[in-house]
Amino acid sequence: MSVMEFAGQQQDIPSRKTGRMALAARVLDWRGDRRKARLEALRERDLELQIARLRAVGGL
């Protein structure tokens, strides 16, 4: 193995690792966004149910 091949391999390994880390960060960010959207939908549904309950008992 030549010095140039060795240097190329050494530079390739961190770039692959960086790529995997970037992909993992994007996946986690996507999951976080989905979780936030799901929680927001649950909160909205809960508020709608509370309003419906108040209307049913004449409190609103």
N, C-alpha and C. Protein backbone atom coordinates (compact mmCIF):
# COMPACT_ATOMS: atom_id res chain seq x y z
N MET A 1 0.86 -1.17 0.00
CA MET A 1 0.00 0.00 0.00
C MET A 1 0.90 1.24 0.00
N SER A 2 0.57 2.13 -0.87
CA SER A 2 1.37 3.34 -0.95
C SER A 2 0.91 4.35 0.11
N VAL A 3 1.72 5.33 0.30
CA VAL A 3 1.40 6.38 1.27
C VAL A 3 0.13 7.12 0.85
N MET A 4 -0.04 7.33 -0.44
CA MET A 4 -1.23 8.04 -0.93
C MET A 4 -2.49 7.21 -0.69
N GLU A 5 -2.42 5.89 -0.90
CA GLU A 5 -3.59 5.04 -0.65
C GLU A 5 -3.94 5.05 0.83
N PHE A 6 -2.90 4.95 1.68
CA PHE A 6 -3.12 4.98 3.12
C PHE A 6 -3.77 6.29 3.55
N ALA A 7 -3.27 7.39 3.04
CA ALA A 7 -3.83 8.70 3.37
C ALA A 7 -5.28 8.80 2.90
N GLY A 8 -5.56 8.26 1.71
CA GLY A 8 -6.93 8.27 1.20
C GLY A 8 -7.88 7.48 2.07
N GLN A 9 -7.41 6.33 2.57
CA GLN A 9 -8.25 5.51 3.44
C GLN A 9 -8.50 6.21 4.77
N GLN A 10 -7.49 6.86 5.30
CA GLN A 10 -7.64 7.55 6.57
C GLN A 10 -8.64 8.70 6.46
N GLN A 11 -8.67 9.36 5.33
CA GLN A 11 -9.61 10.47 5.15
C GLN A 11 -11.01 9.96 4.86
N ASP A 12 -11.11 8.77 4.26
CA ASP A 12 -12.40 8.22 3.89
C ASP A 12 -13.18 7.77 5.13
N ILE A 13 -12.50 7.23 6.11
CA ILE A 13 -13.18 6.70 7.29
C ILE A 13 -13.93 7.79 8.05
N PRO A 14 -13.31 8.92 8.38
CA PRO A 14 -14.07 9.96 9.08
C PRO A 14 -15.23 10.50 8.25
N SER A 15 -15.05 10.59 6.93
CA SER A 15 -16.14 11.13 6.12
C SER A 15 -17.33 10.18 6.12
N ARG A 16 -17.07 8.86 6.12
CA ARG A 16 -18.18 7.90 6.22
C ARG A 16 -18.86 8.03 7.58
N LYS A 17 -18.04 8.17 8.61
CA LYS A 17 -18.60 8.32 9.96
C LYS A 17 -19.42 9.60 10.05
N THR A 18 -18.92 10.66 9.49
CA THR A 18 -19.64 11.93 9.49
C THR A 18 -20.95 11.79 8.73
N GLY A 19 -20.91 11.08 7.61
CA GLY A 19 -22.13 10.86 6.84
C GLY A 19 -23.17 10.07 7.62
N ARG A 20 -22.71 9.03 8.31
CA ARG A 20 -23.64 8.23 9.12
C ARG A 20 -24.23 9.07 10.25
N MET A 21 -23.38 9.89 10.86
CA MET A 21 -23.87 10.75 11.95
C MET A 21 -24.87 11.77 11.43
N ALA A 22 -24.61 12.32 10.25
CA ALA A 22 -25.54 13.29 9.67
C ALA A 22 -26.88 12.63 9.35
N LEU A 23 -26.82 11.41 8.80
CA LEU A 23 -28.05 10.68 8.49
C LEU A 23 -28.82 10.37 9.77
N ALA A 24 -28.12 9.93 10.80
CA ALA A 24 -28.77 9.64 12.08
C ALA A 24 -29.41 10.89 12.66
N ALA A 25 -28.73 12.02 12.54
CA ALA A 25 -29.29 13.28 13.04
C ALA A 25 -30.55 13.65 12.28
N ARG A 26 -30.54 13.44 10.95
CA ARG A 26 -31.75 13.74 10.17
C ARG A 26 -32.90 12.84 10.56
N VAL A 27 -32.62 11.54 10.76
CA VAL A 27 -33.67 10.59 11.16
C VAL A 27 -34.23 10.98 12.52
N LEU A 28 -33.34 11.29 13.47
CA LEU A 28 -33.81 11.68 14.79
C LEU A 28 -34.61 12.98 14.74
N ASP A 29 -34.17 13.92 13.91
CA ASP A 29 -34.90 15.18 13.75
C ASP A 29 -36.28 14.92 13.16
N TRP A 30 -36.34 14.02 12.16
CA TRP A 30 -37.62 13.67 11.55
C TRP A 30 -38.54 13.02 12.57
N ARG A 31 -37.97 12.11 13.38
CA ARG A 31 -38.78 11.47 14.42
C ARG A 31 -39.25 12.49 15.44
N GLY A 32 -38.37 13.43 15.78
CA GLY A 32 -38.75 14.48 16.73
C GLY A 32 -39.87 15.34 16.19
N ASP A 33 -39.79 15.67 14.89
CA ASP A 33 -40.85 16.46 14.26
C ASP A 33 -42.17 15.70 14.25
N ARG A 34 -42.11 14.40 13.95
CA ARG A 34 -43.34 13.59 13.96
C ARG A 34 -43.92 13.53 15.36
N ARG A 35 -43.05 13.38 16.36
CA ARG A 35 -43.51 13.31 17.74
C ARG A 35 -44.17 14.62 18.15
N LYS A 36 -43.54 15.74 17.79
CA LYS A 36 -44.12 17.05 18.11
C LYS A 36 -45.48 17.22 17.46
N ALA A 37 -45.60 16.82 16.20
CA ALA A 37 -46.87 16.94 15.49
C ALA A 37 -47.94 16.07 16.14
N ARG A 38 -47.55 14.85 16.54
CA ARG A 38 -48.51 13.95 17.18
C ARG A 38 -48.97 14.52 18.52
N LEU A 39 -48.02 15.05 19.30
CA LEU A 39 -48.39 15.64 20.59
C LEU A 39 -49.29 16.86 20.42
N GLU A 40 -49.00 17.66 19.40
CA GLU A 40 -49.83 18.83 19.13
C GLU A 40 -51.25 18.40 18.75
N ALA A 41 -51.37 17.36 17.95
CA ALA A 41 -52.69 16.85 17.56
C ALA A 41 -53.44 16.32 18.79
N LEU A 42 -52.72 15.64 19.68
CA LEU A 42 -53.36 15.13 20.89
C LEU A 42 -53.84 16.27 21.79
N ARG A 43 -53.03 17.32 21.92
CA ARG A 43 -53.43 18.48 22.73
C ARG A 43 -54.67 19.14 22.14
N GLU A 44 -54.67 19.29 20.82
CA GLU A 44 -55.81 19.91 20.15
C GLU A 44 -57.07 19.08 20.36
N ARG A 45 -56.95 17.78 20.25
CA ARG A 45 -58.11 16.90 20.46
C ARG A 45 -58.59 16.99 21.90
N ASP A 46 -57.65 17.05 22.84
CA ASP A 46 -58.02 17.17 24.25
C ASP A 46 -58.78 18.47 24.50
N LEU A 47 -58.31 19.57 23.91
CA LEU A 47 -59.02 20.84 24.06
C LEU A 47 -60.42 20.78 23.46
N GLU A 48 -60.54 20.14 22.30
CA GLU A 48 -61.86 20.01 21.69
C GLU A 48 -62.80 19.20 22.58
N LEU A 49 -62.28 18.14 23.21
CA LEU A 49 -63.11 17.34 24.11
C LEU A 49 -63.51 18.14 25.35
N GLN A 50 -62.60 18.94 25.88
CA GLN A 50 -62.93 19.78 27.04
C GLN A 50 -64.01 20.79 26.68
N ILE A 51 -63.91 21.40 25.51
CA ILE A 51 -64.93 22.36 25.07
C ILE A 51 -66.27 21.66 24.91
N ALA A 52 -66.26 20.47 24.33
CA ALA A 52 -67.51 19.72 24.15
C ALA A 52 -68.13 19.39 25.50
N ARG A 53 -67.30 19.01 26.48
CA ARG A 53 -67.82 18.70 27.82
C ARG A 53 -68.44 19.94 28.46
N LEU A 54 -67.75 21.08 28.34
CA LEU A 54 -68.28 22.32 28.92
C LEU A 54 -69.60 22.71 28.27
N ARG A 55 -69.68 22.55 26.95
CA ARG A 55 -70.94 22.86 26.26
C ARG A 55 -72.05 21.92 26.70
N ALA A 56 -71.70 20.66 26.95
CA ALA A 56 -72.71 19.67 27.34
C ALA A 56 -73.31 19.99 28.72
N VAL A 57 -72.51 20.53 29.61
CA VAL A 57 -73.02 20.85 30.95
C VAL A 57 -73.47 22.30 31.05
N GLY A 58 -73.38 23.05 29.96
CA GLY A 58 -73.85 24.42 29.94
C GLY A 58 -72.85 25.42 30.50
N GLY A 59 -71.59 25.04 30.58
CA GLY A 59 -70.59 25.94 31.13
C GLY A 59 -69.95 26.85 30.11
N LEU A 60 -70.30 26.70 28.85
CA LEU A 60 -69.69 27.55 27.83
C LEU A 60 -70.74 28.03 26.85
